[in-house]
Amino acid sequence: MSSISPECNDLKKTYDDCFNKWYATKFLQGDTTPACEEIFTLYRACIWRAIKEKNLDTLIADARKEKPFDTPDAGQ
């Protein structure tokens, strides 16, 4: 699957490859030590740039206002 923006595709592939390797060789063996954080940060930044360029950030903000994520203290 491609990324939201063609310019993010290489970062997405790199992150997906890193995550899949970590998941199969570490996580499933009980090692939950984080991995791939640097590439995820770069990929996420690329995605957010594309979201802003496409003016989707406003839609996301509106959706969060309408239906915010539940938090543990939301009922208090």
C-alpha atoms as a PDB file:
ATOM      1  CA  MET A   1       0.000   0.000   0.000  1.00  0.00           C
ATOM      2  CA  SER A   2       1.280   3.442  -0.880  1.00  0.00           C
ATOM      3  CA  SER A   3       1.565   6.353   1.481  1.00  0.00           C
ATOM      4  CA  ILE A   4      -0.730   9.385   1.419  1.00  0.00           C
ATOM      5  CA  SER A   5       1.981  11.193  -0.546  1.00  0.00           C
ATOM      6  CA  PRO A   6       4.402   9.736  -3.107  1.00  0.00           C
ATOM      7  CA  GLU A   7       7.262  11.613  -1.435  1.00  0.00           C
ATOM      8  CA  CYS A   8       6.674   9.534   1.721  1.00  0.00           C
ATOM      9  CA  ASN A   9       6.688   6.133  -0.004  1.00  0.00           C
ATOM     10  CA  ASP A  10      10.385   5.407   0.546  1.00  0.00           C
ATOM     11  CA  LEU A  11      10.126   6.288   4.234  1.00  0.00           C
ATOM     12  CA  LYS A  12       7.015   4.137   4.550  1.00  0.00           C
ATOM     13  CA  LYS A  13       8.758   1.149   2.989  1.00  0.00           C
ATOM     14  CA  THR A  14      11.800   1.596   5.211  1.00  0.00           C
ATOM     15  CA  TYR A  15       9.624   1.859   8.312  1.00  0.00           C
ATOM     16  CA  ASP A  16       7.407  -1.085   7.321  1.00  0.00           C
ATOM     17  CA  ASP A  17      10.477  -3.258   6.698  1.00  0.00           C
ATOM     18  CA  CYS A  18      12.010  -2.257  10.031  1.00  0.00           C
ATOM     19  CA  PHE A  19       8.768  -2.804  11.947  1.00  0.00           C
ATOM     20  CA  ASN A  20       8.054  -6.180  10.348  1.00  0.00           C
ATOM     21  CA  LYS A  21      11.575  -7.395  11.113  1.00  0.00           C
ATOM     22  CA  TRP A  22      11.336  -6.149  14.725  1.00  0.00           C
ATOM     23  CA  TYR A  23       7.902  -7.698  15.183  1.00  0.00           C
ATOM     24  CA  ALA A  24       8.940 -11.110  13.853  1.00  0.00           C
ATOM     25  CA  THR A  25      12.389 -11.354  15.418  1.00  0.00           C
ATOM     26  CA  LYS A  26      11.993  -9.433  18.664  1.00  0.00           C
ATOM     27  CA  PHE A  27       8.424  -8.745  19.746  1.00  0.00           C
ATOM     28  CA  LEU A  28       7.101 -12.256  19.112  1.00  0.00           C
ATOM     29  CA  GLN A  29      10.054 -13.564  21.127  1.00  0.00           C
ATOM     30  CA  GLY A  30       9.082 -11.384  24.108  1.00  0.00           C
ATOM     31  CA  ASP A  31      11.463  -8.479  23.529  1.00  0.00           C
ATOM     32  CA  THR A  32       9.349  -5.329  23.635  1.00  0.00           C
ATOM     33  CA  THR A  33      12.307  -2.949  23.445  1.00  0.00           C
ATOM     34  CA  PRO A  34      11.280  -0.206  21.007  1.00  0.00           C
ATOM     35  CA  ALA A  35      12.905  -0.158  17.601  1.00  0.00           C
ATOM     36  CA  CYS A  36      12.500   1.875  14.413  1.00  0.00           C
ATOM     37  CA  GLU A  37      11.708   5.061  16.325  1.00  0.00           C
ATOM     38  CA  GLU A  38      13.943   7.340  14.264  1.00  0.00           C
ATOM     39  CA  ILE A  39      12.512   6.245  10.931  1.00  0.00           C
ATOM     40  CA  PHE A  40       8.984   6.433  12.352  1.00  0.00           C
ATOM     41  CA  THR A  41       9.597  10.032  13.406  1.00  0.00           C
ATOM     42  CA  LEU A  42      10.775  10.922   9.893  1.00  0.00           C
ATOM     43  CA  TYR A  43       7.863   9.079   8.270  1.00  0.00           C
ATOM     44  CA  ARG A  44       5.327  10.704  10.584  1.00  0.00           C
ATOM     45  CA  ALA A  45       6.729  14.179   9.813  1.00  0.00           C
ATOM     46  CA  CYS A  46       6.443  13.459   6.089  1.00  0.00           C
ATOM     47  CA  ILE A  47       2.835  12.297   6.512  1.00  0.00           C
ATOM     48  CA  TRP A  48       1.879  15.398   8.503  1.00  0.00           C
ATOM     49  CA  ARG A  49       3.424  17.659   5.851  1.00  0.00           C
ATOM     50  CA  ALA A  50       1.280  15.911   3.222  1.00  0.00           C
ATOM     51  CA  ILE A  51      -1.807  16.166   5.428  1.00  0.00           C
ATOM     52  CA  LYS A  52      -1.275  19.909   5.845  1.00  0.00           C
ATOM     53  CA  GLU A  53      -0.588  20.406   2.116  1.00  0.00           C
ATOM     54  CA  LYS A  54      -3.890  18.684   1.326  1.00  0.00           C
ATOM     55  CA  ASN A  55      -5.684  20.726   4.031  1.00  0.00           C
ATOM     56  CA  LEU A  56      -6.710  17.560   5.813  1.00  0.00           C
ATOM     57  CA  ASP A  57      -5.412  18.797   9.159  1.00  0.00           C
ATOM     58  CA  THR A  58      -8.562  20.884   9.632  1.00  0.00           C
ATOM     59  CA  LEU A  59     -10.763  17.855   9.004  1.00  0.00           C
ATOM     60  CA  ILE A  60      -8.768  15.825  11.505  1.00  0.00           C
ATOM     61  CA  ALA A  61      -9.011  18.577  14.129  1.00  0.00           C
ATOM     62  CA  ASP A  62     -12.774  18.871  13.572  1.00  0.00           C
ATOM     63  CA  ALA A  63     -13.222  15.101  13.872  1.00  0.00           C
ATOM     64  CA  ARG A  64     -11.253  15.075  17.130  1.00  0.00           C
ATOM     65  CA  LYS A  65     -13.489  17.813  18.528  1.00  0.00           C
ATOM     66  CA  GLU A  66     -16.622  15.948  17.481  1.00  0.00           C
ATOM     67  CA  LYS A  67     -15.462  12.549  18.721  1.00  0.00           C
ATOM     68  CA  PRO A  68     -12.417  12.869  21.000  1.00  0.00           C
ATOM     69  CA  PHE A  69     -10.367   9.841  21.949  1.00  0.00           C
ATOM     70  CA  ASP A  70     -11.353   8.332  25.285  1.00  0.00           C
ATOM     71  CA  THR A  71      -8.850   8.831  28.056  1.00  0.00           C
ATOM     72  CA  PRO A  72      -8.676   6.888  31.340  1.00  0.00           C
ATOM     73  CA  ASP A  73      -9.892   9.910  33.323  1.00  0.00           C
ATOM     74  CA  ALA A  74     -12.605  10.932  30.843  1.00  0.00           C
ATOM     75  CA  GLY A  75     -15.436   9.720  33.100  1.00  0.00           C
ATOM     76  CA  GLN A  76     -14.243  11.596  36.165  1.00  0.00           C
END
